[in-house]
Amino acid sequence: MTQSPAARAPGRSGPARLGERAARTLVSELARINAPKAALLVGVTPESAVLAAAIEALLPGDTLTVVPAERISAAALREHVTAQGRWVADRVRVVDSLAEAEPAAVVVAGEAFVGTAEETRGAIETLTKYLADGAVLSVATAVGRTAGAAAELDRQGALHGVGADLVLRNSPPVRVYRLRFTPAHAAAAEQLAPAYRPSSVPVTRGMHIDSNGVAAAGIALGLAALTRLARPKSKLWLLPALAAAPVAAFFRDPERDVPEDPSAVVAAADGQVLSVQRLHDERFGDGEFLRIAVFLSVLDVHVNRAPVAGKVVDYFVADGGFVNAMKPDAEHNVAAYTVLDTTHGTVVVAQRTGLIARRIVQRAPVGALLARGERFGLIRFGSRTDVYLPAEAAEPLVGPGDKVVGGASVIARWR
């Protein structure tokens, strides 16, 4: 049997076991495409959590081609697939070798890469031959244990905008890379569901804490521990200890029901609408834009979401001040601009700093596809988020003073 790239050195059985959370992250691109597609899974066993996650992600019109790991026979893997029932058996095809596979929209390496940089490069070059136009290759490597593989994957980077996720809840922790080697079309974003983010920590079924909040709460608890060690008779340690929970709450990341209406434009953040106005901004093009500005107080959710489905084509930061975001002078505050190409024209989301907010987080690289309502960043401790829409293509549905909910409230509709 011809060995697959994931079954040779970069993917052989090693210390990096891929558990349920890592597996879900690996197949996240497959799970979020709400349209019939072909997927390819390379180097798995019947017990693989990645195989189970891939099968769970399948929709009725999907097909999945599976290449077994070198230590398992194709016959054994076919028997396992058949045992899953007729629905799975009709959609999953097990082949003897990678040479029998066809190009796919998503290609997943079912085992973590553990080889050298050269071996990893060779494996990637082999797998990219099976990527369709604009397709995604998803691979993983253990953190801190496979320096060669990690270095090569970091070098490859998100060539056309997908990115990487750190999965800490795995033994050992792994980093999942999703690589795109040819550009995707903006229209493809309309077929996507919001991406799965493994770095946020679930508190309840509908509420997560963003990784920034986990880190901030951890720092507060660390300060409390150090303070108690340094001054055991003092009660000062209670201040950072009690602050940990409210600090984490600032970074809460609730699940939201994104409207299914394709004409809906949703709020990019929670908060209060400050203004709705038409204006020109030559940085984004010659046409007129409809700008909807929303103020986020320190009590609002700080996670920002894509108001529409589109492809990130530009991102830049404009220098400025840090005045109160409620005031007109906030126009000149430091701001990060994420420019989206959509089927309706150019859409821009501006994350503006304020009097207290001084840190902007943007996680969508240029080239990335964002689904409507998908998380793409946050502003620490409030401030303001503006959405720019092509004025002739959009009709506003909110006005100053209205309260909106990010990812759920409809602030405008495409004409």
Protein backbone atom coordinates (compact mmCIF):
# COMPACT_ATOMS: atom_id res chain seq x y z
CA MET A 1 0.00 0.00 0.00
CA THR A 2 1.33 3.45 -0.92
CA GLN A 3 1.87 5.54 2.18
CA SER A 4 0.11 8.88 2.45
CA PRO A 5 1.96 12.06 3.49
CA ALA A 6 0.19 11.91 6.83
CA ALA A 7 1.30 8.33 7.28
CA ARG A 8 4.99 8.99 6.64
CA ALA A 9 7.36 10.87 8.95
CA PRO A 10 5.28 14.04 9.43
CA GLY A 11 2.16 12.09 10.27
CA ARG A 12 3.32 8.84 11.85
CA SER A 13 2.05 7.85 15.24
CA GLY A 14 3.82 9.96 17.83
CA PRO A 15 3.33 11.84 21.07
CA ALA A 16 0.68 14.21 19.70
CA ARG A 17 -2.66 12.53 20.25
CA LEU A 18 -5.52 14.42 18.64
CA GLY A 19 -8.48 14.48 21.00
CA GLU A 20 -12.05 15.55 20.40
CA ARG A 21 -11.40 19.30 20.67
CA ALA A 22 -8.36 19.20 18.37
CA ALA A 23 -10.29 17.02 15.92
CA ARG A 24 -13.19 19.44 15.84
CA THR A 25 -10.76 22.27 15.14
CA LEU A 26 -9.10 20.32 12.32
CA VAL A 27 -12.39 19.73 10.50
CA SER A 28 -13.86 23.18 11.25
CA GLU A 29 -13.55 24.33 7.62
CA LEU A 30 -15.47 21.27 6.50
CA ALA A 31 -18.15 21.83 9.12
CA ARG A 32 -18.77 25.47 8.23
CA ILE A 33 -19.41 25.10 4.48
CA ASN A 34 -23.19 25.02 4.06
CA ALA A 35 -23.10 23.70 0.50
CA PRO A 36 -22.37 20.32 -1.12
CA LYS A 37 -18.60 19.74 -1.16
CA ALA A 38 -15.93 17.07 -1.43
CA ALA A 39 -13.50 16.52 1.44
CA LEU A 40 -10.35 14.42 1.77
CA LEU A 41 -9.12 12.96 5.07
CA VAL A 42 -5.59 11.51 5.03
CA GLY A 43 -4.01 9.14 7.53
CA VAL A 44 -6.61 7.93 10.05
CA THR A 45 -7.57 4.79 11.95
CA PRO A 46 -11.06 3.55 12.87
CA GLU A 47 -10.56 4.95 16.39
CA SER A 48 -9.51 8.40 15.15
CA ALA A 49 -11.33 11.35 16.73
CA VAL A 50 -10.65 13.25 13.50
CA LEU A 51 -12.53 10.65 11.44
CA ALA A 52 -15.48 10.81 13.85
CA ALA A 53 -15.52 14.62 13.71
CA ALA A 54 -15.35 14.62 9.91
CA ILE A 55 -18.26 12.19 9.63
CA GLU A 56 -20.28 14.26 12.10
CA ALA A 57 -19.65 17.39 10.00
CA LEU A 58 -21.02 15.88 6.78
CA LEU A 59 -24.17 17.31 5.19
CA PRO A 60 -26.49 15.32 2.87
CA GLY A 61 -24.79 16.50 -0.33
CA ASP A 62 -21.21 15.98 0.87
CA THR A 63 -18.66 13.31 0.00
CA LEU A 64 -15.65 12.29 2.08
CA THR A 65 -12.67 10.32 0.75
CA VAL A 66 -10.57 8.66 3.46
CA VAL A 67 -6.98 7.41 3.20
CA PRO A 68 -6.00 5.03 6.03
CA ALA A 69 -2.89 5.49 8.16
CA GLU A 70 -0.03 3.14 7.25
CA ARG A 71 -0.61 0.90 10.26
CA ILE A 72 -4.21 0.11 9.33
CA SER A 73 -5.60 -1.65 6.28
CA ALA A 74 -8.15 -0.07 3.98
CA ALA A 75 -10.36 -3.15 4.50
CA ALA A 76 -10.50 -2.57 8.26
CA LEU A 77 -11.35 1.08 7.75
CA ARG A 78 -14.09 0.21 5.24
CA GLU A 79 -15.58 -2.22 7.74
CA HIS A 80 -15.64 0.54 10.36
CA VAL A 81 -17.33 2.98 7.96
CA THR A 82 -19.91 0.42 6.89
CA ALA A 83 -20.75 -0.24 10.53
CA GLN A 84 -21.74 3.44 10.89
CA GLY A 85 -24.87 2.82 8.83
CA ARG A 86 -26.12 3.39 5.30
CA TRP A 87 -26.16 7.21 5.54
CA VAL A 88 -22.43 7.33 6.34
CA ALA A 89 -21.44 4.50 3.98
CA ASP A 90 -23.11 6.30 1.06
CA ARG A 91 -21.02 9.43 1.64
CA VAL A 92 -17.66 8.09 2.82
CA ARG A 93 -15.30 6.32 0.41
CA VAL A 94 -12.19 4.56 1.74
CA VAL A 95 -9.34 4.24 -0.77
CA ASP A 96 -6.16 2.19 -0.61
CA SER A 97 -3.81 5.09 -1.30
CA LEU A 98 -3.73 8.85 -1.77
CA ALA A 99 -3.17 8.35 -5.50
CA GLU A 100 -6.83 7.27 -5.82
CA ALA A 101 -8.18 10.54 -4.34
CA GLU A 102 -9.64 13.47 -6.26
CA PRO A 103 -9.16 17.22 -5.56
CA ALA A 104 -11.32 18.42 -2.65
CA ALA A 105 -12.60 21.66 -1.11
CA VAL A 106 -11.11 20.68 2.26
CA VAL A 107 -8.11 18.40 2.84
CA VAL A 108 -7.36 17.28 6.41
CA ALA A 109 -4.26 15.51 7.71
CA GLY A 110 -5.69 13.10 10.27
CA GLU A 111 -2.54 12.84 12.41
CA ALA A 112 -0.30 15.53 13.81
CA PHE A 113 2.87 16.36 11.91
CA VAL A 114 5.94 15.26 13.89
CA GLY A 115 8.70 15.31 11.28
CA THR A 116 11.46 17.70 10.35
CA ALA A 117 10.95 20.93 8.41
CA GLU A 118 12.02 19.19 5.20
CA GLU A 119 9.66 16.27 5.76
CA THR A 120 6.81 18.63 6.58
CA ARG A 121 7.48 20.66 3.44
CA GLY A 122 7.37 17.50 1.35
CA ALA A 123 4.12 16.36 2.93
CA ILE A 124 2.49 19.73 2.34
CA GLU A 125 3.62 19.77 -1.29
CA THR A 126 2.06 16.34 -1.78
CA LEU A 127 -1.24 17.27 -0.12
CA THR A 128 -1.60 20.55 -2.01
CA LYS A 129 -1.94 18.54 -5.24
CA TYR A 130 -5.35 17.48 -3.96
CA LEU A 131 -6.65 20.97 -3.19
CA ALA A 132 -9.35 22.40 -5.43
CA ASP A 133 -9.26 26.11 -6.33
CA GLY A 134 -9.56 28.17 -3.13
CA ALA A 135 -9.54 25.01 -0.98
CA VAL A 136 -8.15 24.69 2.55
CA LEU A 137 -5.52 22.33 3.92
CA SER A 138 -5.89 21.63 7.65
CA VAL A 139 -2.95 20.18 9.61
CA ALA A 140 -1.77 20.06 13.23
CA THR A 141 1.51 19.83 15.11
CA ALA A 142 2.37 19.45 18.79
CA VAL A 143 3.36 22.64 20.58
CA GLY A 144 6.97 22.69 21.73
CA ARG A 145 7.77 19.13 20.66
CA THR A 146 8.10 19.28 16.87
CA ALA A 147 10.14 22.38 16.20
CA GLY A 148 10.90 21.46 12.60
CA ALA A 149 7.28 20.89 11.61
CA ALA A 150 6.08 23.97 13.50
CA ALA A 151 8.75 26.18 11.91
CA GLU A 152 7.79 25.04 8.41
CA LEU A 153 4.06 25.52 9.04
CA ASP A 154 4.69 28.99 10.45
CA ARG A 155 6.71 29.77 7.32
CA GLN A 156 3.89 28.60 5.09
CA GLY A 157 1.51 30.83 7.04
CA ALA A 158 -1.96 31.81 5.86
CA LEU A 159 -0.99 32.54 2.26
CA HIS A 160 -4.52 33.47 1.28
CA GLY A 161 -6.05 34.04 4.68
CA VAL A 162 -7.19 31.24 6.92
CA GLY A 163 -5.00 31.18 10.03
CA ALA A 164 -4.14 29.00 13.01
CA ASP A 165 -5.62 28.05 16.38
CA LEU A 166 -3.93 26.89 19.57
CA VAL A 167 -5.77 23.98 21.20
CA LEU A 168 -4.67 23.87 24.84
CA ARG A 169 -7.20 21.25 25.87
CA ASN A 170 -5.32 18.44 24.18
CA SER A 171 -2.53 16.15 25.42
CA PRO A 172 -0.12 17.59 24.44
CA PRO A 173 -1.41 21.01 23.30
CA VAL A 174 -1.42 21.33 19.51
CA ARG A 175 -1.56 24.15 17.01
CA VAL A 176 -3.92 23.65 14.09
CA TYR A 177 -2.99 25.38 10.83
CA ARG A 178 -5.52 26.00 8.08
CA LEU A 179 -3.69 26.93 4.89
CA ARG A 180 -5.02 28.20 1.59
CA PHE A 181 -2.65 28.28 -1.39
CA THR A 182 -4.96 29.82 -3.99
CA PRO A 183 -7.35 32.75 -3.39
CA ALA A 184 -11.01 32.15 -2.60
CA HIS A 185 -13.88 34.14 -4.09
CA ALA A 186 -15.86 36.58 -1.94
CA ALA A 187 -19.13 34.92 -2.93
CA ALA A 188 -17.96 31.70 -1.23
CA ALA A 189 -18.33 33.45 2.14
CA GLU A 190 -22.10 33.44 1.72
CA GLN A 191 -22.08 29.65 2.01
CA LEU A 192 -20.21 29.63 5.31
CA ALA A 193 -21.33 29.37 8.91
CA PRO A 194 -19.34 31.30 11.55
CA ALA A 195 -16.01 29.63 12.32
CA TYR A 196 -15.48 27.49 15.41
CA ARG A 197 -13.05 29.07 17.90
CA PRO A 198 -11.33 26.57 20.22
CA SER A 199 -9.50 29.25 22.21
CA SER A 200 -12.63 30.56 23.92
CA VAL A 201 -13.57 28.74 27.10
CA PRO A 202 -17.17 27.52 27.51
CA VAL A 203 -18.84 28.54 30.77
CA THR A 204 -22.35 27.44 29.88
CA ARG A 205 -23.90 26.05 26.71
CA GLY A 206 -24.54 29.55 25.36
CA MET A 207 -21.73 31.53 26.97
CA HIS A 208 -17.97 31.46 26.43
CA ILE A 209 -15.10 33.58 27.71
CA ASP A 210 -12.71 34.88 25.06
CA SER A 211 -9.07 33.82 25.43
CA ASN A 212 -8.17 37.43 26.31
CA GLY A 213 -10.48 37.20 29.30
CA VAL A 214 -8.97 33.90 30.40
CA ALA A 215 -5.51 35.45 30.28
CA ALA A 216 -6.62 38.60 32.13
CA ALA A 217 -8.35 36.58 34.86
CA GLY A 218 -5.26 34.39 35.16
CA ILE A 219 -3.06 37.44 35.65
CA ALA A 220 -5.40 38.75 38.35
CA LEU A 221 -5.34 35.42 40.19
CA GLY A 222 -1.57 35.26 39.83
CA LEU A 223 -1.24 38.69 41.41
CA ALA A 224 -3.49 37.58 44.23
CA ALA A 225 -1.29 34.53 44.88
CA LEU A 226 1.91 36.58 44.82
CA THR A 227 0.42 39.21 47.11
CA ARG A 228 -0.63 36.59 49.64
CA LEU A 229 2.83 35.02 49.58
CA ALA A 230 4.56 38.37 50.00
CA ARG A 231 2.20 39.68 52.69
CA PRO A 232 0.45 36.68 54.30
CA LYS A 233 -1.11 38.75 57.07
CA SER A 234 -2.60 41.31 54.73
CA LYS A 235 -5.97 41.16 53.00
CA LEU A 236 -4.71 43.00 49.90
CA TRP A 237 -4.67 39.74 47.95
CA LEU A 238 -8.47 39.87 47.97
CA LEU A 239 -8.49 42.86 45.60
CA PRO A 240 -7.01 41.09 42.55
CA ALA A 241 -8.72 37.82 43.52
CA LEU A 242 -12.17 39.44 43.56
CA ALA A 243 -11.36 41.33 40.37
CA ALA A 244 -10.71 38.13 38.38
CA ALA A 245 -14.40 37.31 37.79
CA PRO A 246 -15.53 40.77 36.61
CA VAL A 247 -12.42 41.07 34.42
CA ALA A 248 -13.25 37.75 32.77
CA ALA A 249 -16.86 38.91 32.36
CA PHE A 250 -15.65 41.88 30.29
CA PHE A 251 -14.55 39.31 27.72
CA ARG A 252 -17.69 37.19 27.68
CA ASP A 253 -18.46 35.72 24.28
CA PRO A 254 -22.10 34.60 24.02
CA GLU A 255 -23.49 32.44 21.25
CA ARG A 256 -25.79 34.38 18.94
CA ASP A 257 -28.53 33.33 16.53
CA VAL A 258 -27.52 34.97 13.24
CA PRO A 259 -30.52 35.82 11.01
CA GLU A 260 -30.84 33.54 7.99
CA ASP A 261 -32.22 36.29 5.74
CA PRO A 262 -29.52 36.79 3.03
CA SER A 263 -30.47 40.47 2.71
CA ALA A 264 -29.83 41.21 6.41
CA VAL A 265 -26.86 43.24 7.63
CA VAL A 266 -26.23 42.54 11.32
CA ALA A 267 -24.66 44.67 14.03
CA ALA A 268 -20.90 44.30 14.36
CA ALA A 269 -21.07 44.82 18.13
CA ASP A 270 -23.39 45.17 21.11
CA GLY A 271 -24.21 48.71 22.14
CA GLN A 272 -26.14 51.88 21.33
CA VAL A 273 -26.41 53.42 17.89
CA LEU A 274 -24.69 56.82 17.93
CA SER A 275 -25.33 57.94 14.37
CA VAL A 276 -26.49 56.88 10.92
CA GLN A 277 -25.14 59.04 8.14
CA ARG A 278 -24.09 59.09 4.49
CA LEU A 279 -20.53 60.16 3.72
CA HIS A 280 -17.59 59.77 1.37
CA ASP A 281 -14.29 58.17 2.36
CA GLU A 282 -11.72 57.98 -0.41
CA ARG A 283 -9.80 55.29 1.48
CA PHE A 284 -12.53 52.81 0.61
CA GLY A 285 -13.50 53.98 -2.86
CA ASP A 286 -15.19 56.77 -4.80
CA GLY A 287 -18.78 55.94 -3.92
CA GLU A 288 -20.93 57.16 -1.05
CA PHE A 289 -21.13 55.07 2.12
CA LEU A 290 -23.81 54.60 4.75
CA ARG A 291 -22.07 54.59 8.13
CA ILE A 292 -23.74 53.16 11.22
CA ALA A 293 -21.77 53.92 14.40
CA VAL A 294 -22.35 51.93 17.61
CA PHE A 295 -20.99 52.85 21.05
CA LEU A 296 -19.91 50.03 23.37
CA SER A 297 -19.96 50.76 27.09
CA VAL A 298 -17.75 48.85 29.51
CA LEU A 299 -20.79 46.69 30.33
CA ASP A 300 -21.39 45.58 26.73
CA VAL A 301 -19.98 42.48 25.06
CA HIS A 302 -16.68 43.48 23.47
CA VAL A 303 -16.45 40.81 20.77
CA ASN A 304 -16.83 42.17 17.23
CA ARG A 305 -18.60 40.27 14.46
CA ALA A 306 -18.73 40.52 10.69
CA PRO A 307 -21.90 42.40 9.66
CA VAL A 308 -22.02 40.64 6.27
CA ALA A 309 -20.41 37.69 4.54
CA GLY A 310 -17.29 38.63 2.62
CA LYS A 311 -13.59 38.30 1.96
CA VAL A 312 -11.03 40.39 3.87
CA VAL A 313 -9.12 42.34 1.20
CA ASP A 314 -7.40 44.94 3.37
CA TYR A 315 -6.64 45.78 6.98
CA PHE A 316 -4.94 48.90 8.30
CA VAL A 317 -4.66 50.96 11.48
CA ALA A 318 -5.04 54.75 11.51
CA ASP A 319 -3.23 56.69 14.23
CA GLY A 320 -5.10 59.14 16.42
CA GLY A 321 -6.13 60.02 19.94
CA PHE A 322 -8.09 58.38 22.74
CA VAL A 323 -10.99 60.73 23.48
CA ASN A 324 -14.37 59.60 24.77
CA ALA A 325 -15.95 57.51 22.00
CA MET A 326 -19.32 59.24 22.59
CA LYS A 327 -17.89 62.58 21.45
CA PRO A 328 -17.56 63.78 17.83
CA ASP A 329 -13.78 64.02 18.23
CA ALA A 330 -13.68 60.20 18.50
CA GLU A 331 -13.68 60.37 14.70
CA HIS A 332 -9.94 60.93 15.04
CA ASN A 333 -9.21 58.20 17.56
CA VAL A 334 -6.91 55.28 16.80
CA ALA A 335 -8.92 52.88 14.64
CA ALA A 336 -8.46 49.54 12.90
CA TYR A 337 -10.21 49.12 9.55
CA THR A 338 -11.17 45.73 8.15
CA VAL A 339 -12.18 46.00 4.49
CA LEU A 340 -14.45 43.30 3.04
CA ASP A 341 -15.18 42.48 -0.58
CA THR A 342 -18.79 41.30 -0.87
CA THR A 343 -21.26 40.53 -3.64
CA HIS A 344 -22.88 43.92 -2.87
CA GLY A 345 -19.71 45.97 -2.93
CA THR A 346 -17.13 47.14 -0.40
CA VAL A 347 -18.05 46.91 3.30
CA VAL A 348 -15.79 48.23 6.07
CA VAL A 349 -15.79 47.65 9.82
CA ALA A 350 -13.91 50.22 11.92
CA GLN A 351 -12.89 49.26 15.46
CA ARG A 352 -12.29 52.57 17.27
CA THR A 353 -10.52 53.08 20.56
CA GLY A 354 -11.90 55.38 23.26
CA LEU A 355 -11.02 56.99 26.55
CA ILE A 356 -10.53 53.65 28.32
CA ALA A 357 -10.24 51.23 25.41
CA ARG A 358 -6.66 51.23 24.15
CA ARG A 359 -6.27 47.76 22.66
CA ILE A 360 -7.79 46.46 19.44
CA VAL A 361 -7.68 42.77 18.54
CA GLN A 362 -8.27 41.74 14.92
CA ARG A 363 -8.00 38.05 14.05
CA ALA A 364 -9.01 37.90 10.37
CA PRO A 365 -5.99 37.98 8.02
CA VAL A 366 -6.20 39.45 4.54
CA GLY A 367 -7.70 36.81 2.27
CA ALA A 368 -9.86 35.26 4.98
CA LEU A 369 -13.52 34.51 4.33
CA LEU A 370 -15.90 35.69 7.05
CA ALA A 371 -19.45 34.45 7.46
CA ARG A 372 -22.13 36.92 8.50
CA GLY A 373 -22.09 37.13 12.30
CA GLU A 374 -18.65 35.53 12.60
CA ARG A 375 -16.33 36.71 15.37
CA PHE A 376 -13.26 38.45 13.99
CA GLY A 377 -11.88 40.52 16.88
CA LEU A 378 -12.62 42.66 19.91
CA ILE A 379 -11.92 46.02 21.54
CA ARG A 380 -10.79 45.81 25.13
CA PHE A 381 -13.11 47.61 27.57
CA GLY A 382 -15.63 49.25 25.28
CA SER A 383 -15.43 52.06 22.71
CA ARG A 384 -17.04 52.22 19.26
CA THR A 385 -17.57 50.10 16.14
CA ASP A 386 -18.60 51.61 12.80
CA VAL A 387 -20.00 49.75 9.80
CA TYR A 388 -19.63 51.30 6.34
CA LEU A 389 -22.02 50.02 3.64
CA PRO A 390 -22.43 51.05 -0.02
CA ALA A 391 -25.08 53.76 0.35
CA GLU A 392 -26.98 52.91 -2.82
CA ALA A 393 -27.12 49.22 -1.99
CA ALA A 394 -28.21 49.32 1.66
CA GLU A 395 -31.23 50.64 3.56
CA PRO A 396 -30.73 51.45 7.27
CA LEU A 397 -33.17 49.98 9.78
CA VAL A 398 -31.87 51.60 12.98
CA GLY A 399 -31.48 55.13 14.26
CA PRO A 400 -29.59 57.01 17.00
CA GLY A 401 -30.41 55.69 20.47
CA ASP A 402 -31.39 52.20 19.34
CA LYS A 403 -29.83 49.28 21.22
CA VAL A 404 -28.35 46.53 19.07
CA VAL A 405 -26.91 43.08 19.68
CA GLY A 406 -23.82 42.01 17.74
CA GLY A 407 -24.44 39.25 15.24
CA ALA A 408 -28.20 39.19 15.90
CA SER A 409 -29.74 42.67 15.41
CA VAL A 410 -30.48 43.64 11.80
CA ILE A 411 -29.17 47.18 11.29
CA ALA A 412 -29.73 47.39 7.52
CA ARG A 413 -30.90 45.41 4.50
CA TRP A 414 -29.52 45.06 1.04
CA ARG A 415 -31.86 46.64 -1.50
